[in-house]
């Protein structure tokens, strides 16, 4: 398992998963998600609805490994 940061939001923007909170002083942020990638292929993507934390938690993500 490798967890990666994306401080400049470059990866997030390439995925089209950014949202802009600049007006609130928070800059460009990422939507909440968990992704499992195997040899460059996305095997699982759990994208949360705005304001929710139901499908991208560790327990759910581990079920897909």
PDB file of N, CA and C in Angstrom:
ATOM      1  N   UNK A   1       0.857  -1.176   0.000  1.00  0.00           N
ATOM      2  CA  UNK A   1       0.000   0.000   0.000  1.00  0.00           C
ATOM      3  C   UNK A   1       0.892   1.224   0.000  1.00  0.00           C
ATOM      4  N   UNK A   2       0.603   2.122  -0.923  1.00  0.00           N
ATOM      5  CA  UNK A   2       1.355   3.376  -0.998  1.00  0.00           C
ATOM      6  C   UNK A   2       0.349   4.515  -1.010  1.00  0.00           C
ATOM      7  N   UNK A   3       0.479   5.411  -0.054  1.00  0.00           N
ATOM      8  CA  UNK A   3      -0.386   6.583   0.000  1.00  0.00           C
ATOM      9  C   UNK A   3       0.412   7.762  -0.525  1.00  0.00           C
ATOM     10  N   UNK A   4      -0.191   8.524  -1.431  1.00  0.00           N
ATOM     11  CA  UNK A   4       0.515   9.621  -2.082  1.00  0.00           C
ATOM     12  C   UNK A   4      -0.200  10.941  -1.864  1.00  0.00           C
ATOM     13  N   UNK A   5       0.585  11.988  -1.669  1.00  0.00           N
ATOM     14  CA  UNK A   5       0.039  13.339  -1.566  1.00  0.00           C
ATOM     15  C   UNK A   5       0.043  14.017  -2.930  1.00  0.00           C
ATOM     16  N   UNK A   6      -0.694  15.100  -3.038  1.00  0.00           N
ATOM     17  CA  UNK A   6      -0.791  15.852  -4.296  1.00  0.00           C
ATOM     18  C   UNK A   6      -0.913  17.336  -3.953  1.00  0.00           C
ATOM     19  N   UNK A   7       0.120  17.861  -3.315  1.00  0.00           N
ATOM     20  CA  UNK A   7       0.095  19.225  -2.789  1.00  0.00           C
ATOM     21  C   UNK A   7      -0.215  20.300  -3.807  1.00  0.00           C
ATOM     22  N   UNK A   8       0.210  20.132  -5.037  1.00  0.00           N
ATOM     23  CA  UNK A   8      -0.045  21.140  -6.069  1.00  0.00           C
ATOM     24  C   UNK A   8      -1.312  20.837  -6.872  1.00  0.00           C
ATOM     25  N   UNK A   9      -1.975  19.759  -6.566  1.00  0.00           N
ATOM     26  CA  UNK A   9      -3.228  19.328  -7.208  1.00  0.00           C
ATOM     27  C   UNK A   9      -3.069  18.999  -8.690  1.00  0.00           C
ATOM     28  N   UNK A  10      -1.857  18.733  -9.145  1.00  0.00           N
ATOM     29  CA  UNK A  10      -1.652  18.400 -10.562  1.00  0.00           C
ATOM     30  C   UNK A  10      -2.337  17.085 -10.938  1.00  0.00           C
ATOM     31  N   UNK A  11      -2.141  16.056 -10.135  1.00  0.00           N
ATOM     32  CA  UNK A  11      -2.769  14.760 -10.395  1.00  0.00           C
ATOM     33  C   UNK A  11      -4.288  14.891 -10.320  1.00  0.00           C
ATOM     34  N   UNK A  12      -4.758  15.585  -9.301  1.00  0.00           N
ATOM     35  CA  UNK A  12      -6.192  15.793  -9.109  1.00  0.00           C
ATOM     36  C   UNK A  12      -6.822  16.471 -10.317  1.00  0.00           C
ATOM     37  N   UNK A  13      -6.159  17.491 -10.841  1.00  0.00           N
ATOM     38  CA  UNK A  13      -6.680  18.211 -12.012  1.00  0.00           C
ATOM     39  C   UNK A  13      -6.709  17.306 -13.243  1.00  0.00           C
ATOM     40  N   UNK A  14      -5.686  16.468 -13.410  1.00  0.00           N
ATOM     41  CA  UNK A  14      -5.657  15.558 -14.560  1.00  0.00           C
ATOM     42  C   UNK A  14      -6.781  14.531 -14.490  1.00  0.00           C
ATOM     43  N   UNK A  15      -7.196  14.187 -13.276  1.00  0.00           N
ATOM     44  CA  UNK A  15      -8.319  13.268 -13.098  1.00  0.00           C
ATOM     45  C   UNK A  15      -9.662  13.972 -13.245  1.00  0.00           C
ATOM     46  N   UNK A  16      -9.649  15.308 -13.216  1.00  0.00           N
ATOM     47  CA  UNK A  16     -10.899  16.069 -13.263  1.00  0.00           C
ATOM     48  C   UNK A  16     -11.664  16.004 -11.961  1.00  0.00           C
ATOM     49  N   UNK A  17     -10.944  15.822 -10.844  1.00  0.00           N
ATOM     50  CA  UNK A  17     -11.586  15.649  -9.546  1.00  0.00           C
ATOM     51  C   UNK A  17     -11.326  16.818  -8.602  1.00  0.00           C
ATOM     52  N   UNK A  18     -10.990  17.975  -9.175  1.00  0.00           N
ATOM     53  CA  UNK A  18     -10.717  19.133  -8.335  1.00  0.00           C
ATOM     54  C   UNK A  18     -11.975  19.972  -8.119  1.00  0.00           C
ATOM     55  N   UNK A  19     -11.964  20.731  -7.025  1.00  0.00           N
ATOM     56  CA  UNK A  19     -12.959  21.780  -6.862  1.00  0.00           C
ATOM     57  C   UNK A  19     -12.260  22.970  -6.233  1.00  0.00           C
ATOM     58  N   UNK A  20     -12.676  24.140  -6.632  1.00  0.00           N
ATOM     59  CA  UNK A  20     -11.981  25.380  -6.301  1.00  0.00           C
ATOM     60  C   UNK A  20     -12.606  26.043  -5.080  1.00  0.00           C
ATOM     61  N   UNK A  21     -11.839  26.104  -4.012  1.00  0.00           N
ATOM     62  CA  UNK A  21     -12.274  26.778  -2.791  1.00  0.00           C
ATOM     63  C   UNK A  21     -11.434  28.030  -2.539  1.00  0.00           C
ATOM     64  N   UNK A  22     -10.900  28.604  -3.613  1.00  0.00           N
ATOM     65  CA  UNK A  22     -10.064  29.795  -3.498  1.00  0.00           C
ATOM     66  C   UNK A  22     -10.821  30.930  -2.819  1.00  0.00           C
ATOM     67  N   UNK A  23     -12.085  31.092  -3.131  1.00  0.00           N
ATOM     68  CA  UNK A  23     -12.884  32.165  -2.539  1.00  0.00           C
ATOM     69  C   UNK A  23     -12.976  32.037  -1.022  1.00  0.00           C
ATOM     70  N   UNK A  24     -12.794  30.836  -0.509  1.00  0.00           N
ATOM     71  CA  UNK A  24     -12.820  30.600   0.944  1.00  0.00           C
ATOM     72  C   UNK A  24     -11.413  30.532   1.536  1.00  0.00           C
ATOM     73  N   UNK A  25     -10.415  30.828   0.702  1.00  0.00           N
ATOM     74  CA  UNK A  25      -9.036  30.831   1.171  1.00  0.00           C
ATOM     75  C   UNK A  25      -8.390  29.466   1.238  1.00  0.00           C
ATOM     76  N   UNK A  26      -8.972  28.470   0.597  1.00  0.00           N
ATOM     77  CA  UNK A  26      -8.453  27.104   0.680  1.00  0.00           C
ATOM     78  C   UNK A  26      -7.818  26.614  -0.611  1.00  0.00           C
ATOM     79  N   UNK A  27      -7.899  27.384  -1.686  1.00  0.00           N
ATOM     80  CA  UNK A  27      -7.282  26.994  -2.948  1.00  0.00           C
ATOM     81  C   UNK A  27      -8.004  25.853  -3.633  1.00  0.00           C
ATOM     82  N   UNK A  28      -7.295  25.198  -4.534  1.00  0.00           N
ATOM     83  CA  UNK A  28      -7.860  24.063  -5.270  1.00  0.00           C
ATOM     84  C   UNK A  28      -7.721  22.817  -4.407  1.00  0.00           C
ATOM     85  N   UNK A  29      -8.806  22.120  -4.237  1.00  0.00           N
ATOM     86  CA  UNK A  29      -8.839  20.925  -3.391  1.00  0.00           C
ATOM     87  C   UNK A  29      -9.258  19.712  -4.223  1.00  0.00           C
ATOM     88  N   UNK A  30      -9.063  18.549  -3.641  1.00  0.00           N
ATOM     89  CA  UNK A  30      -9.473  17.305  -4.285  1.00  0.00           C
ATOM     90  C   UNK A  30     -10.785  16.828  -3.686  1.00  0.00           C
ATOM     91  N   UNK A  31     -11.607  16.212  -4.524  1.00  0.00           N
ATOM     92  CA  UNK A  31     -12.766  15.513  -3.992  1.00  0.00           C
ATOM     93  C   UNK A  31     -12.241  14.360  -3.138  1.00  0.00           C
ATOM     94  N   UNK A  32     -13.058  13.880  -2.224  1.00  0.00           N
ATOM     95  CA  UNK A  32     -12.638  12.772  -1.365  1.00  0.00           C
ATOM     96  C   UNK A  32     -12.869  11.452  -2.098  1.00  0.00           C
ATOM     97  N   UNK A  33     -11.809  10.639  -2.172  1.00  0.00           N
ATOM     98  CA  UNK A  33     -11.921   9.344  -2.839  1.00  0.00           C
ATOM     99  C   UNK A  33     -10.812   8.419  -2.368  1.00  0.00           C
ATOM    100  N   UNK A  34     -10.995   7.136  -2.642  1.00  0.00           N
ATOM    101  CA  UNK A  34      -9.948   6.132  -2.480  1.00  0.00           C
ATOM    102  C   UNK A  34      -9.823   5.424  -3.817  1.00  0.00           C
ATOM    103  N   UNK A  35      -8.581   5.183  -4.228  1.00  0.00           N
ATOM    104  CA  UNK A  35      -8.338   4.557  -5.526  1.00  0.00           C
ATOM    105  C   UNK A  35      -7.332   3.423  -5.355  1.00  0.00           C
ATOM    106  N   UNK A  36      -7.622   2.298  -5.965  1.00  0.00           N
ATOM    107  CA  UNK A  36      -6.677   1.187  -5.995  1.00  0.00           C
ATOM    108  C   UNK A  36      -6.197   1.051  -7.431  1.00  0.00           C
ATOM    109  N   UNK A  37      -4.876   1.145  -7.598  1.00  0.00           N
ATOM    110  CA  UNK A  37      -4.261   1.072  -8.921  1.00  0.00           C
ATOM    111  C   UNK A  37      -3.270  -0.083  -8.919  1.00  0.00           C
ATOM    112  N   UNK A  38      -3.352  -0.945  -9.913  1.00  0.00           N
ATOM    113  CA  UNK A  38      -2.447  -2.084 -10.037  1.00  0.00           C
ATOM    114  C   UNK A  38      -1.765  -2.009 -11.400  1.00  0.00           C
ATOM    115  N   UNK A  39      -0.457  -1.811 -11.383  1.00  0.00           N
ATOM    116  CA  UNK A  39       0.319  -1.702 -12.627  1.00  0.00           C
ATOM    117  C   UNK A  39      -0.261  -0.660 -13.584  1.00  0.00           C
ATOM    118  N   UNK A  40      -0.658   0.481 -13.037  1.00  0.00           N
ATOM    119  CA  UNK A  40      -1.158   1.583 -13.853  1.00  0.00           C
ATOM    120  C   UNK A  40      -2.614   1.480 -14.261  1.00  0.00           C
ATOM    121  N   UNK A  41      -3.308   0.453 -13.788  1.00  0.00           N
ATOM    122  CA  UNK A  41      -4.720   0.261 -14.125  1.00  0.00           C
ATOM    123  C   UNK A  41      -5.564   0.486 -12.873  1.00  0.00           C
ATOM    124  N   UNK A  42      -6.556   1.370 -12.969  1.00  0.00           N
ATOM    125  CA  UNK A  42      -7.453   1.617 -11.837  1.00  0.00           C
ATOM    126  C   UNK A  42      -8.360   0.404 -11.677  1.00  0.00           C
ATOM    127  N   UNK A  43      -8.232  -0.255 -10.531  1.00  0.00           N
ATOM    128  CA  UNK A  43      -9.028  -1.448 -10.244  1.00  0.00           C
ATOM    129  C   UNK A  43     -10.270  -1.114  -9.430  1.00  0.00           C
ATOM    130  N   UNK A  44     -10.192  -0.032  -8.648  1.00  0.00           N
ATOM    131  CA  UNK A  44     -11.319   0.364  -7.790  1.00  0.00           C
ATOM    132  C   UNK A  44     -11.239   1.859  -7.541  1.00  0.00           C
ATOM    133  N   UNK A  45     -12.379   2.538  -7.626  1.00  0.00           N
ATOM    134  CA  UNK A  45     -12.464   3.958  -7.310  1.00  0.00           C
ATOM    135  C   UNK A  45     -13.714   4.174  -6.480  1.00  0.00           C
ATOM    136  N   UNK A  46     -13.524   4.677  -5.274  1.00  0.00           N
ATOM    137  CA  UNK A  46     -14.644   4.984  -4.382  1.00  0.00           C
ATOM    138  C   UNK A  46     -14.688   6.492  -4.215  1.00  0.00           C
ATOM    139  N   UNK A  47     -15.592   7.141  -4.929  1.00  0.00           N
ATOM    140  CA  UNK A  47     -15.721   8.592  -4.920  1.00  0.00           C
ATOM    141  C   UNK A  47     -16.868   8.986  -4.006  1.00  0.00           C
ATOM    142  N   UNK A  48     -16.575   9.840  -3.054  1.00  0.00           N
ATOM    143  CA  UNK A  48     -17.584  10.284  -2.096  1.00  0.00           C
ATOM    144  C   UNK A  48     -18.481  11.365  -2.680  1.00  0.00           C
ATOM    145  N   UNK A  49     -19.724  11.372  -2.264  1.00  0.00           N
ATOM    146  CA  UNK A  49     -20.625  12.487  -2.548  1.00  0.00           C
ATOM    147  C   UNK A  49     -20.137  13.682  -1.721  1.00  0.00           C
ATOM    148  N   UNK A  50     -20.380  14.902  -2.187  1.00  0.00           N
ATOM    149  CA  UNK A  50     -19.928  16.082  -1.434  1.00  0.00           C
ATOM    150  C   UNK A  50     -20.400  16.055   0.023  1.00  0.00           C
ATOM    151  N   UNK A  51     -19.456  16.272   0.924  1.00  0.00           N
ATOM    152  CA  UNK A  51     -19.766  16.318   2.347  1.00  0.00           C
ATOM    153  C   UNK A  51     -19.954  14.973   3.014  1.00  0.00           C
ATOM    154  N   UNK A  52     -19.742  13.896   2.298  1.00  0.00           N
ATOM    155  CA  UNK A  52     -19.946  12.547   2.846  1.00  0.00           C
ATOM    156  C   UNK A  52     -18.612  11.840   3.073  1.00  0.00           C
ATOM    157  N   UNK A  53     -18.627  10.832   3.947  1.00  0.00           N
ATOM    158  CA  UNK A  53     -17.480   9.958   4.181  1.00  0.00           C
ATOM    159  C   UNK A  53     -18.034   8.572   4.460  1.00  0.00           C
ATOM    160  N   UNK A  54     -18.417   7.887   3.379  1.00  0.00           N
ATOM    161  CA  UNK A  54     -19.096   6.604   3.521  1.00  0.00           C
ATOM    162  C   UNK A  54     -18.445   5.466   2.743  1.00  0.00           C
ATOM    163  N   UNK A  55     -17.783   5.759   1.613  1.00  0.00           N
ATOM    164  CA  UNK A  55     -17.272   4.687   0.758  1.00  0.00           C
ATOM    165  C   UNK A  55     -15.755   4.676   0.600  1.00  0.00           C
ATOM    166  N   UNK A  56     -15.073   5.734   1.021  1.00  0.00           N
ATOM    167  CA  UNK A  56     -13.621   5.801   0.813  1.00  0.00           C
ATOM    168  C   UNK A  56     -12.824   5.526   2.082  1.00  0.00           C
ATOM    169  N   UNK A  57     -13.479   4.996   3.094  1.00  0.00           N
ATOM    170  CA  UNK A  57     -12.783   4.698   4.344  1.00  0.00           C
ATOM    171  C   UNK A  57     -11.882   3.469   4.187  1.00  0.00           C
ATOM    172  N   UNK A  58     -10.996   3.284   5.143  1.00  0.00           N
ATOM    173  CA  UNK A  58     -10.013   2.200   5.071  1.00  0.00           C
ATOM    174  C   UNK A  58     -10.677   0.824   5.027  1.00  0.00           C
ATOM    175  N   UNK A  59     -11.679   0.596   5.860  1.00  0.00           N
ATOM    176  CA  UNK A  59     -12.316  -0.722   5.918  1.00  0.00           C
ATOM    177  C   UNK A  59     -12.918  -1.102   4.565  1.00  0.00           C
ATOM    178  N   UNK A  60     -13.606  -0.172   3.930  1.00  0.00           N
ATOM    179  CA  UNK A  60     -14.202  -0.456   2.622  1.00  0.00           C
ATOM    180  C   UNK A  60     -13.123  -0.655   1.566  1.00  0.00           C
ATOM    181  N   UNK A  61     -12.093   0.166   1.602  1.00  0.00           N
ATOM    182  CA  UNK A  61     -11.024   0.077   0.608  1.00  0.00           C
ATOM    183  C   UNK A  61     -10.279  -1.250   0.719  1.00  0.00           C
ATOM    184  N   UNK A  62     -10.012  -1.701   1.934  1.00  0.00           N
ATOM    185  CA  UNK A  62      -9.300  -2.965   2.132  1.00  0.00           C
ATOM    186  C   UNK A  62     -10.062  -4.154   1.556  1.00  0.00           C
ATOM    187  N   UNK A  63     -11.368  -4.073   1.495  1.00  0.00           N
ATOM    188  CA  UNK A  63     -12.175  -5.158   0.921  1.00  0.00           C
ATOM    189  C   UNK A  63     -11.875  -5.369  -0.559  1.00  0.00           C
ATOM    190  N   UNK A  64     -11.323  -4.344  -1.205  1.00  0.00           N
ATOM    191  CA  UNK A  64     -11.075  -4.408  -2.646  1.00  0.00           C
ATOM    192  C   UNK A  64      -9.633  -4.756  -2.995  1.00  0.00           C
ATOM    193  N   UNK A  65      -8.815  -5.005  -1.974  1.00  0.00           N
ATOM    194  CA  UNK A  65      -7.417  -5.389  -2.235  1.00  0.00           C
ATOM    195  C   UNK A  65      -7.299  -6.875  -2.499  1.00  0.00           C
TER     196      UNK A  65
END
